[in-house]
PDB file of N, CA and C in Angstrom:
ATOM      1  N   UNK A   1       2.555  15.864  21.191  1.00  0.00           N
ATOM      2  CA  UNK A   1       1.407  15.995  20.304  1.00  0.00           C
ATOM      3  C   UNK A   1       1.849  16.542  18.946  1.00  0.00           C
ATOM      4  N   UNK A   2       2.814  17.475  19.014  1.00  0.00           N
ATOM      5  CA  UNK A   2       3.296  18.059  17.770  1.00  0.00           C
ATOM      6  C   UNK A   2       4.005  17.001  16.918  1.00  0.00           C
ATOM      7  N   UNK A   3       4.744  16.096  17.585  1.00  0.00           N
ATOM      8  CA  UNK A   3       5.419  15.031  16.858  1.00  0.00           C
ATOM      9  C   UNK A   3       4.420  14.083  16.204  1.00  0.00           C
ATOM     10  N   UNK A   4       3.333  13.820  16.907  1.00  0.00           N
ATOM     11  CA  UNK A   4       2.309  12.934  16.358  1.00  0.00           C
ATOM     12  C   UNK A   4       1.715  13.519  15.086  1.00  0.00           C
ATOM     13  N   UNK A   5       1.438  14.800  15.094  1.00  0.00           N
ATOM     14  CA  UNK A   5       0.873  15.457  13.911  1.00  0.00           C
ATOM     15  C   UNK A   5       1.869  15.410  12.762  1.00  0.00           C
ATOM     16  N   UNK A   6       3.137  15.687  13.050  1.00  0.00           N
ATOM     17  CA  UNK A   6       4.171  15.639  12.015  1.00  0.00           C
ATOM     18  C   UNK A   6       4.298  14.221  11.469  1.00  0.00           C
ATOM     19  N   UNK A   7       4.264  13.243  12.359  1.00  0.00           N
ATOM     20  CA  UNK A   7       4.371  11.850  11.923  1.00  0.00           C
ATOM     21  C   UNK A   7       3.170  11.445  11.073  1.00  0.00           C
ATOM     22  N   UNK A   8       1.986  11.860  11.474  1.00  0.00           N
ATOM     23  CA  UNK A   8       0.784  11.527  10.700  1.00  0.00           C
ATOM     24  C   UNK A   8       0.817  12.168   9.319  1.00  0.00           C
ATOM     25  N   UNK A   9       1.248  13.416   9.260  1.00  0.00           N
ATOM     26  CA  UNK A   9       1.324  14.109   7.973  1.00  0.00           C
ATOM     27  C   UNK A   9       2.363  13.449   7.084  1.00  0.00           C
ATOM     28  N   UNK A  10       3.524  13.104   7.650  1.00  0.00           N
ATOM     29  CA  UNK A  10       4.558  12.467   6.832  1.00  0.00           C
ATOM     30  C   UNK A  10       4.123  11.070   6.382  1.00  0.00           C
ATOM     31  N   UNK A  11       3.460  10.323   7.267  1.00  0.00           N
ATOM     32  CA  UNK A  11       2.968   9.000   6.880  1.00  0.00           C
ATOM     33  C   UNK A  11       1.909   9.120   5.794  1.00  0.00           C
ATOM     34  N   UNK A  12       1.043  10.095   5.927  1.00  0.00           N
ATOM     35  CA  UNK A  12       0.010  10.299   4.909  1.00  0.00           C
ATOM     36  C   UNK A  12       0.607  10.638   3.561  1.00  0.00           C
ATOM     37  N   UNK A  13       1.621  11.495   3.566  1.00  0.00           N
ATOM     38  CA  UNK A  13       2.246  11.864   2.299  1.00  0.00           C
ATOM     39  C   UNK A  13       3.001  10.685   1.691  1.00  0.00           C
ATOM     40  N   UNK A  14       3.600   9.837   2.536  1.00  0.00           N
ATOM     41  CA  UNK A  14       4.252   8.636   2.025  1.00  0.00           C
ATOM     42  C   UNK A  14       3.241   7.697   1.370  1.00  0.00           C
ATOM     43  N   UNK A  15       2.104   7.535   2.021  1.00  0.00           N
ATOM     44  CA  UNK A  15       1.078   6.638   1.475  1.00  0.00           C
ATOM     45  C   UNK A  15       0.487   7.187   0.183  1.00  0.00           C
ATOM     46  N   UNK A  16       0.281   8.485   0.127  1.00  0.00           N
ATOM     47  CA  UNK A  16      -0.264   9.087  -1.088  1.00  0.00           C
ATOM     48  C   UNK A  16       0.728   8.923  -2.233  1.00  0.00           C
ATOM     49  N   UNK A  17       2.014   9.149  -1.964  1.00  0.00           N
ATOM     50  CA  UNK A  17       3.004   8.988  -3.027  1.00  0.00           C
ATOM     51  C   UNK A  17       3.127   7.527  -3.446  1.00  0.00           C
ATOM     52  N   UNK A  18       3.029   6.604  -2.470  1.00  0.00           N
ATOM     53  CA  UNK A  18       3.085   5.184  -2.814  1.00  0.00           C
ATOM     54  C   UNK A  18       1.867   4.773  -3.639  1.00  0.00           C
ATOM     55  N   UNK A  19       0.703   5.314  -3.277  1.00  0.00           N
ATOM     56  CA  UNK A  19      -0.514   5.002  -4.032  1.00  0.00           C
ATOM     57  C   UNK A  19      -0.433   5.573  -5.441  1.00  0.00           C
ATOM     58  N   UNK A  20       0.107   6.769  -5.567  1.00  0.00           N
ATOM     59  CA  UNK A  20       0.243   7.372  -6.893  1.00  0.00           C
ATOM     60  C   UNK A  20       1.227   6.577  -7.744  1.00  0.00           C
ATOM     61  N   UNK A  21       2.297   6.127  -7.127  1.00  0.00           N
ATOM     62  CA  UNK A  21       3.267   5.318  -7.846  1.00  0.00           C
ATOM     63  C   UNK A  21       2.663   3.978  -8.253  1.00  0.00           C
ATOM     64  N   UNK A  22       1.873   3.384  -7.371  1.00  0.00           N
ATOM     65  CA  UNK A  22       1.256   2.093  -7.664  1.00  0.00           C
ATOM     66  C   UNK A  22       0.214   2.199  -8.774  1.00  0.00           C
ATOM     67  N   UNK A  23      -0.406   3.367  -8.897  1.00  0.00           N
ATOM     68  CA  UNK A  23      -1.448   3.535  -9.907  1.00  0.00           C
ATOM     69  C   UNK A  23      -0.898   3.939 -11.261  1.00  0.00           C
ATOM     70  N   UNK A  24       0.381   4.313 -11.319  1.00  0.00           N
ATOM     71  CA  UNK A  24       0.955   4.671 -12.605  1.00  0.00           C
ATOM     72  C   UNK A  24       0.988   3.426 -13.488  1.00  0.00           C
ATOM     73  N   UNK A  25       0.721   3.615 -14.747  1.00  0.00           N
ATOM     74  CA  UNK A  25       0.601   2.472 -15.648  1.00  0.00           C
ATOM     75  C   UNK A  25       1.972   2.077 -16.171  1.00  0.00           C
ATOM     76  N   UNK A  26       2.301   0.778 -16.128  1.00  0.00           N
ATOM     77  CA  UNK A  26       3.561   0.302 -16.693  1.00  0.00           C
ATOM     78  C   UNK A  26       3.473   0.270 -18.213  1.00  0.00           C
ATOM     79  N   UNK A  27       4.563  -0.056 -18.850  1.00  0.00           N
ATOM     80  CA  UNK A  27       4.580  -0.169 -20.302  1.00  0.00           C
ATOM     81  C   UNK A  27       3.536  -1.186 -20.730  1.00  0.00           C
ATOM     82  N   UNK A  28       2.877  -0.960 -21.868  1.00  0.00           N
ATOM     83  CA  UNK A  28       1.829  -1.882 -22.298  1.00  0.00           C
ATOM     84  C   UNK A  28       2.354  -3.304 -22.467  1.00  0.00           C
ATOM     85  N   UNK A  29       1.579  -4.256 -21.977  1.00  0.00           N
ATOM     86  CA  UNK A  29       1.938  -5.668 -22.093  1.00  0.00           C
ATOM     87  C   UNK A  29       1.671  -6.133 -23.524  1.00  0.00           C
ATOM     88  N   UNK A  30       2.419  -7.094 -23.993  1.00  0.00           N
ATOM     89  CA  UNK A  30       2.160  -7.612 -25.343  1.00  0.00           C
ATOM     90  C   UNK A  30       0.779  -8.251 -25.419  1.00  0.00           C
ATOM     91  N   UNK A  31       0.168  -8.179 -26.575  1.00  0.00           N
ATOM     92  CA  UNK A  31      -1.189  -8.681 -26.763  1.00  0.00           C
ATOM     93  C   UNK A  31      -1.263 -10.205 -26.684  1.00  0.00           C
ATOM     94  N   UNK A  32      -0.137 -10.881 -26.698  1.00  0.00           N
ATOM     95  CA  UNK A  32      -0.143 -12.340 -26.699  1.00  0.00           C
ATOM     96  C   UNK A  32      -0.450 -12.928 -25.323  1.00  0.00           C
ATOM     97  N   UNK A  33      -0.374 -12.138 -24.257  1.00  0.00           N
ATOM     98  CA  UNK A  33      -0.575 -12.680 -22.917  1.00  0.00           C
ATOM     99  C   UNK A  33      -1.662 -11.930 -22.143  1.00  0.00           C
ATOM    100  N   UNK A  34      -2.911 -11.905 -22.625  1.00  0.00           N
ATOM    101  CA  UNK A  34      -3.946 -11.188 -21.890  1.00  0.00           C
ATOM    102  C   UNK A  34      -4.385 -11.889 -20.617  1.00  0.00           C
ATOM    103  N   UNK A  35      -4.195 -13.199 -20.497  1.00  0.00           N
ATOM    104  CA  UNK A  35      -4.637 -13.928 -19.314  1.00  0.00           C
ATOM    105  C   UNK A  35      -3.797 -13.559 -18.088  1.00  0.00           C
ATOM    106  N   UNK A  36      -2.537 -13.249 -18.282  1.00  0.00           N
ATOM    107  CA  UNK A  36      -1.671 -12.898 -17.173  1.00  0.00           C
ATOM    108  C   UNK A  36      -1.710 -11.416 -16.856  1.00  0.00           C
ATOM    109  N   UNK A  37      -2.301 -10.626 -17.691  1.00  0.00           N
ATOM    110  CA  UNK A  37      -2.291  -9.179 -17.527  1.00  0.00           C
ATOM    111  C   UNK A  37      -2.910  -8.740 -16.214  1.00  0.00           C
ATOM    112  N   UNK A  38      -4.028  -9.330 -15.809  1.00  0.00           N
ATOM    113  CA  UNK A  38      -4.690  -8.887 -14.581  1.00  0.00           C
ATOM    114  C   UNK A  38      -3.889  -9.245 -13.342  1.00  0.00           C
ATOM    115  N   UNK A  39      -3.174 -10.356 -13.358  1.00  0.00           N
ATOM    116  CA  UNK A  39      -2.423 -10.748 -12.170  1.00  0.00           C
ATOM    117  C   UNK A  39      -1.062 -10.076 -12.093  1.00  0.00           C
ATOM    118  N   UNK A  40      -0.465  -9.720 -13.212  1.00  0.00           N
ATOM    119  CA  UNK A  40       0.870  -9.133 -13.168  1.00  0.00           C
ATOM    120  C   UNK A  40       0.861  -7.630 -13.420  1.00  0.00           C
ATOM    121  N   UNK A  41      -0.278  -7.039 -13.680  1.00  0.00           N
ATOM    122  CA  UNK A  41      -0.325  -5.611 -14.000  1.00  0.00           C
ATOM    123  C   UNK A  41       0.128  -4.754 -12.837  1.00  0.00           C
ATOM    124  N   UNK A  42      -0.193  -5.147 -11.639  1.00  0.00           N
ATOM    125  CA  UNK A  42       0.205  -4.348 -10.483  1.00  0.00           C
ATOM    126  C   UNK A  42       0.737  -5.270  -9.393  1.00  0.00           C
ATOM    127  N   UNK A  43       1.796  -5.965  -9.701  1.00  0.00           N
ATOM    128  CA  UNK A  43       2.386  -6.857  -8.712  1.00  0.00           C
ATOM    129  C   UNK A  43       2.992  -6.004  -7.600  1.00  0.00           C
ATOM    130  N   UNK A  44       2.424  -6.059  -6.405  1.00  0.00           N
ATOM    131  CA  UNK A  44       2.914  -5.211  -5.323  1.00  0.00           C
ATOM    132  C   UNK A  44       4.273  -5.684  -4.816  1.00  0.00           C
ATOM    133  N   UNK A  45       5.040  -4.751  -4.333  1.00  0.00           N
ATOM    134  CA  UNK A  45       6.329  -5.068  -3.735  1.00  0.00           C
ATOM    135  C   UNK A  45       6.078  -5.469  -2.292  1.00  0.00           C
ATOM    136  N   UNK A  46       6.356  -6.728  -1.936  1.00  0.00           N
ATOM    137  CA  UNK A  46       6.065  -7.188  -0.575  1.00  0.00           C
ATOM    138  C   UNK A  46       6.842  -6.381   0.462  1.00  0.00           C
ATOM    139  N   UNK A  47       6.136  -5.903   1.465  1.00  0.00           N
ATOM    140  CA  UNK A  47       6.768  -5.206   2.568  1.00  0.00           C
ATOM    141  C   UNK A  47       7.048  -3.736   2.358  1.00  0.00           C
ATOM    142  N   UNK A  48       6.775  -3.199   1.180  1.00  0.00           N
ATOM    143  CA  UNK A  48       7.086  -1.795   0.918  1.00  0.00           C
ATOM    144  C   UNK A  48       6.240  -0.865   1.783  1.00  0.00           C
ATOM    145  N   UNK A  49       4.964  -1.166   1.901  1.00  0.00           N
ATOM    146  CA  UNK A  49       4.094  -0.312   2.705  1.00  0.00           C
ATOM    147  C   UNK A  49       4.416  -0.449   4.187  1.00  0.00           C
ATOM    148  N   UNK A  50       4.727  -1.656   4.632  1.00  0.00           N
ATOM    149  CA  UNK A  50       5.106  -1.862   6.033  1.00  0.00           C
ATOM    150  C   UNK A  50       6.383  -1.089   6.351  1.00  0.00           C
ATOM    151  N   UNK A  51       7.341  -1.111   5.440  1.00  0.00           N
ATOM    152  CA  UNK A  51       8.593  -0.381   5.656  1.00  0.00           C
ATOM    153  C   UNK A  51       8.333   1.119   5.712  1.00  0.00           C
ATOM    154  N   UNK A  52       7.424   1.609   4.876  1.00  0.00           N
ATOM    155  CA  UNK A  52       7.081   3.024   4.913  1.00  0.00           C
ATOM    156  C   UNK A  52       6.428   3.388   6.245  1.00  0.00           C
ATOM    157  N   UNK A  53       5.580   2.519   6.749  1.00  0.00           N
ATOM    158  CA  UNK A  53       4.937   2.765   8.044  1.00  0.00           C
ATOM    159  C   UNK A  53       5.956   2.742   9.173  1.00  0.00           C
ATOM    160  N   UNK A  54       6.888   1.821   9.100  1.00  0.00           N
ATOM    161  CA  UNK A  54       7.907   1.737  10.144  1.00  0.00           C
ATOM    162  C   UNK A  54       8.796   2.976  10.147  1.00  0.00           C
ATOM    163  N   UNK A  55       9.144   3.461   8.970  1.00  0.00           N
ATOM    164  CA  UNK A  55       9.982   4.658   8.922  1.00  0.00           C
ATOM    165  C   UNK A  55       9.212   5.889   9.382  1.00  0.00           C
ATOM    166  N   UNK A  56       7.912   5.916   9.135  1.00  0.00           N
ATOM    167  CA  UNK A  56       7.104   7.058   9.584  1.00  0.00           C
ATOM    168  C   UNK A  56       6.947   7.056  11.100  1.00  0.00           C
ATOM    169  N   UNK A  57       6.926   5.883  11.704  1.00  0.00           N
ATOM    170  CA  UNK A  57       6.737   5.779  13.153  1.00  0.00           C
ATOM    171  C   UNK A  57       8.062   5.733  13.908  1.00  0.00           C
ATOM    172  N   UNK A  58       9.148   5.816  13.190  1.00  0.00           N
ATOM    173  CA  UNK A  58      10.472   5.666  13.791  1.00  0.00           C
ATOM    174  C   UNK A  58      10.742   6.696  14.887  1.00  0.00           C
ATOM    175  N   UNK A  59      10.291   7.922  14.695  1.00  0.00           N
ATOM    176  CA  UNK A  59      10.581   8.993  15.647  1.00  0.00           C
ATOM    177  C   UNK A  59       9.738   8.889  16.919  1.00  0.00           C
ATOM    178  N   UNK A  60       8.694   8.087  16.875  1.00  0.00           N
ATOM    179  CA  UNK A  60       7.793   7.985  18.025  1.00  0.00           C
ATOM    180  C   UNK A  60       8.220   6.855  18.947  1.00  0.00           C
ATOM    181  N   UNK A  61       7.668   6.878  20.162  1.00  0.00           N
ATOM    182  CA  UNK A  61       7.993   5.840  21.137  1.00  0.00           C
ATOM    183  C   UNK A  61       6.734   5.365  21.840  1.00  0.00           C
ATOM    184  N   UNK A  62       6.818   4.156  22.350  1.00  0.00           N
ATOM    185  CA  UNK A  62       5.747   3.623  23.183  1.00  0.00           C
ATOM    186  C   UNK A  62       4.421   3.493  22.466  1.00  0.00           C
ATOM    187  N   UNK A  63       3.370   3.918  23.160  1.00  0.00           N
ATOM    188  CA  UNK A  63       2.013   3.781  22.643  1.00  0.00           C
ATOM    189  C   UNK A  63       1.793   4.618  21.385  1.00  0.00           C
ATOM    190  N   UNK A  64       2.435   5.793  21.309  1.00  0.00           N
ATOM    191  CA  UNK A  64       2.297   6.632  20.108  1.00  0.00           C
ATOM    192  C   UNK A  64       2.826   5.902  18.876  1.00  0.00           C
ATOM    193  N   UNK A  65       3.938   5.210  19.038  1.00  0.00           N
ATOM    194  CA  UNK A  65       4.514   4.463  17.918  1.00  0.00           C
ATOM    195  C   UNK A  65       3.590   3.315  17.513  1.00  0.00           C
ATOM    196  N   UNK A  66       3.079   2.613  18.497  1.00  0.00           N
ATOM    197  CA  UNK A  66       2.170   1.494  18.226  1.00  0.00           C
ATOM    198  C   UNK A  66       0.900   1.986  17.516  1.00  0.00           C
ATOM    199  N   UNK A  67       0.340   3.069  18.015  1.00  0.00           N
ATOM    200  CA  UNK A  67      -0.873   3.629  17.402  1.00  0.00           C
ATOM    201  C   UNK A  67      -0.602   4.081  15.976  1.00  0.00           C
ATOM    202  N   UNK A  68       0.538   4.728  15.755  1.00  0.00           N
ATOM    203  CA  UNK A  68       0.887   5.200  14.410  1.00  0.00           C
ATOM    204  C   UNK A  68       1.036   4.027  13.447  1.00  0.00           C
ATOM    205  N   UNK A  69       1.666   2.947  13.900  1.00  0.00           N
ATOM    206  CA  UNK A  69       1.824   1.767  13.042  1.00  0.00           C
ATOM    207  C   UNK A  69       0.470   1.166  12.696  1.00  0.00           C
ATOM    208  N   UNK A  70      -0.421   1.074  13.679  1.00  0.00           N
ATOM    209  CA  UNK A  70      -1.750   0.521  13.407  1.00  0.00           C
ATOM    210  C   UNK A  70      -2.512   1.379  12.403  1.00  0.00           C
ATOM    211  N   UNK A  71      -2.477   2.690  12.584  1.00  0.00           N
ATOM    212  CA  UNK A  71      -3.183   3.585  11.657  1.00  0.00           C
ATOM    213  C   UNK A  71      -2.593   3.498  10.256  1.00  0.00           C
ATOM    214  N   UNK A  72      -1.293   3.498  10.184  1.00  0.00           N
ATOM    215  CA  UNK A  72      -0.621   3.467   8.891  1.00  0.00           C
ATOM    216  C   UNK A  72      -0.904   2.159   8.152  1.00  0.00           C
ATOM    217  N   UNK A  73      -0.838   1.035   8.861  1.00  0.00           N
ATOM    218  CA  UNK A  73      -1.095  -0.258   8.221  1.00  0.00           C
ATOM    219  C   UNK A  73      -2.559  -0.400   7.814  1.00  0.00           C
ATOM    220  N   UNK A  74      -3.461   0.161   8.605  1.00  0.00           N
ATOM    221  CA  UNK A  74      -4.877   0.131   8.228  1.00  0.00           C
ATOM    222  C   UNK A  74      -5.093   0.946   6.951  1.00  0.00           C
ATOM    223  N   UNK A  75      -4.421   2.088   6.856  1.00  0.00           N
ATOM    224  CA  UNK A  75      -4.526   2.913   5.646  1.00  0.00           C
ATOM    225  C   UNK A  75      -3.913   2.183   4.447  1.00  0.00           C
ATOM    226  N   UNK A  76      -2.799   1.505   4.661  1.00  0.00           N
ATOM    227  CA  UNK A  76      -2.164   0.746   3.580  1.00  0.00           C
ATOM    228  C   UNK A  76      -3.081  -0.373   3.098  1.00  0.00           C
ATOM    229  N   UNK A  77      -3.726  -1.056   4.043  1.00  0.00           N
ATOM    230  CA  UNK A  77      -4.667  -2.127   3.686  1.00  0.00           C
ATOM    231  C   UNK A  77      -5.821  -1.561   2.858  1.00  0.00           C
ATOM    232  N   UNK A  78      -6.339  -0.426   3.280  1.00  0.00           N
ATOM    233  CA  UNK A  78      -7.438   0.204   2.556  1.00  0.00           C
ATOM    234  C   UNK A  78      -7.001   0.633   1.158  1.00  0.00           C
ATOM    235  N   UNK A  79      -5.796   1.183   1.043  1.00  0.00           N
ATOM    236  CA  UNK A  79      -5.283   1.581  -0.272  1.00  0.00           C
ATOM    237  C   UNK A  79      -5.136   0.373  -1.193  1.00  0.00           C
ATOM    238  N   UNK A  80      -4.670  -0.738  -0.646  1.00  0.00           N
ATOM    239  CA  UNK A  80      -4.529  -1.957  -1.444  1.00  0.00           C
ATOM    240  C   UNK A  80      -5.892  -2.494  -1.881  1.00  0.00           C
ATOM    241  N   UNK A  81      -6.862  -2.424  -0.986  1.00  0.00           N
ATOM    242  CA  UNK A  81      -8.212  -2.870  -1.334  1.00  0.00           C
ATOM    243  C   UNK A  81      -8.793  -2.005  -2.447  1.00  0.00           C
ATOM    244  N   UNK A  82      -8.609  -0.701  -2.353  1.00  0.00           N
ATOM    245  CA  UNK A  82      -9.088   0.208  -3.407  1.00  0.00           C
ATOM    246  C   UNK A  82      -8.411  -0.111  -4.731  1.00  0.00           C
ATOM    247  N   UNK A  83      -7.114  -0.399  -4.677  1.00  0.00           N
ATOM    248  CA  UNK A  83      -6.383  -0.738  -5.892  1.00  0.00           C
ATOM    249  C   UNK A  83      -6.928  -2.033  -6.502  1.00  0.00           C
ATOM    250  N   UNK A  84      -7.223  -3.019  -5.669  1.00  0.00           N
ATOM    251  CA  UNK A  84      -7.776  -4.282  -6.163  1.00  0.00           C
ATOM    252  C   UNK A  84      -9.148  -4.071  -6.788  1.00  0.00           C
ATOM    253  N   UNK A  85      -9.951  -3.213  -6.185  1.00  0.00           N
ATOM    254  CA  UNK A  85     -11.275  -2.919  -6.722  1.00  0.00           C
ATOM    255  C   UNK A  85     -11.155  -2.208  -8.062  1.00  0.00           C
ATOM    256  N   UNK A  86     -10.245  -1.236  -8.153  1.00  0.00           N
ATOM    257  CA  UNK A  86     -10.037  -0.512  -9.408  1.00  0.00           C
ATOM    258  C   UNK A  86      -9.595  -1.449 -10.525  1.00  0.00           C
ATOM    259  N   UNK A  87      -8.798  -2.453 -10.174  1.00  0.00           N
ATOM    260  CA  UNK A  87      -8.310  -3.404 -11.172  1.00  0.00           C
ATOM    261  C   UNK A  87      -9.276  -4.568 -11.391  1.00  0.00           C
ATOM    262  N   UNK A  88     -10.412  -4.504 -10.689  1.00  0.00           N
ATOM    263  CA  UNK A  88     -11.464  -5.513 -10.832  1.00  0.00           C
ATOM    264  C   UNK A  88     -10.967  -6.921 -10.494  1.00  0.00           C
ATOM    265  N   UNK A  89     -10.143  -7.015  -9.457  1.00  0.00           N
ATOM    266  CA  UNK A  89      -9.675  -8.303  -8.953  1.00  0.00           C
ATOM    267  C   UNK A  89     -10.728  -8.797  -7.966  1.00  0.00           C
ATOM    268  N   UNK A  90     -11.201 -10.033  -8.144  1.00  0.00           N
ATOM    269  CA  UNK A  90     -12.275 -10.559  -7.298  1.00  0.00           C
ATOM    270  C   UNK A  90     -11.892 -11.924  -6.719  1.00  0.00           C
ATOM    271  N   UNK A  91     -12.662 -12.336  -5.729  1.00  0.00           N
ATOM    272  CA  UNK A  91     -12.527 -13.666  -5.150  1.00  0.00           C
ATOM    273  C   UNK A  91     -11.239 -13.846  -4.373  1.00  0.00           C
ATOM    274  N   UNK A  92     -10.736 -15.073  -4.379  1.00  0.00           N
ATOM    275  CA  UNK A  92      -9.508 -15.369  -3.624  1.00  0.00           C
ATOM    276  C   UNK A  92      -8.300 -14.564  -4.112  1.00  0.00           C
ATOM    277  N   UNK A  93      -8.306 -14.201  -5.398  1.00  0.00           N
ATOM    278  CA  UNK A  93      -7.203 -13.403  -5.934  1.00  0.00           C
ATOM    279  C   UNK A  93      -7.156 -12.030  -5.260  1.00  0.00           C
ATOM    280  N   UNK A  94      -8.336 -11.452  -4.962  1.00  0.00           N
ATOM    281  CA  UNK A  94      -8.366 -10.149  -4.302  1.00  0.00           C
ATOM    282  C   UNK A  94      -7.785 -10.256  -2.902  1.00  0.00           C
ATOM    283  N   UNK A  95      -8.185 -11.301  -2.193  1.00  0.00           N
ATOM    284  CA  UNK A  95      -7.689 -11.499  -0.826  1.00  0.00           C
ATOM    285  C   UNK A  95      -6.175 -11.638  -0.838  1.00  0.00           C
ATOM    286  N   UNK A  96      -5.659 -12.436  -1.752  1.00  0.00           N
ATOM    287  CA  UNK A  96      -4.217 -12.640  -1.852  1.00  0.00           C
ATOM    288  C   UNK A  96      -3.515 -11.352  -2.280  1.00  0.00           C
ATOM    289  N   UNK A  97      -4.120 -10.613  -3.207  1.00  0.00           N
ATOM    290  CA  UNK A  97      -3.522  -9.354  -3.664  1.00  0.00           C
ATOM    291  C   UNK A  97      -3.407  -8.359  -2.504  1.00  0.00           C
ATOM    292  N   UNK A  98      -4.480  -8.180  -1.745  1.00  0.00           N
ATOM    293  CA  UNK A  98      -4.468  -7.239  -0.639  1.00  0.00           C
ATOM    294  C   UNK A  98      -3.461  -7.672   0.427  1.00  0.00           C
ATOM    295  N   UNK A  99      -3.413  -8.969   0.690  1.00  0.00           N
ATOM    296  CA  UNK A  99      -2.482  -9.497   1.685  1.00  0.00           C
ATOM    297  C   UNK A  99      -1.036  -9.242   1.276  1.00  0.00           C
ATOM    298  N   UNK A 100      -0.713  -9.510   0.025  1.00  0.00           N
ATOM    299  CA  UNK A 100       0.667  -9.313  -0.435  1.00  0.00           C
ATOM    300  C   UNK A 100       0.995  -7.841  -0.640  1.00  0.00           C
ATOM    301  N   UNK A 101       0.008  -7.048  -0.986  1.00  0.00           N
ATOM    302  CA  UNK A 101       0.229  -5.621  -1.223  1.00  0.00           C
ATOM    303  C   UNK A 101       0.521  -4.890   0.072  1.00  0.00           C
ATOM    304  N   UNK A 102      -0.271  -5.133   1.108  1.00  0.00           N
ATOM    305  CA  UNK A 102      -0.112  -4.419   2.372  1.00  0.00           C
ATOM    306  C   UNK A 102       1.118  -4.885   3.140  1.00  0.00           C
ATOM    307  N   UNK A 103       1.602  -6.056   2.856  1.00  0.00           N
ATOM    308  CA  UNK A 103       2.815  -6.537   3.498  1.00  0.00           C
ATOM    309  C   UNK A 103       2.551  -7.301   4.731  1.00  0.00           C
TER     310      UNK A 103
END
């Protein structure tokens, strides 16, 4: 039980740091390309959140590991959805953004 709490806390801190990093603003884009700004402003790194979840669940075994992965990936999906909403991404682009962001 103690390992589960430690794993949950470490996974939570990884997700918070990843979310903070994802929300940091990159260098301003040139004014000549405003149409691409919304799609390239926060291009997620494919698999980064999944890798963070896997490393957080690494110390666990069996059902605890499976449960930790499910919780972590659900949180990653929610974080990606919040990011898409903040960036006002709608329609099929939002679905694709969340899918590629969560890994």
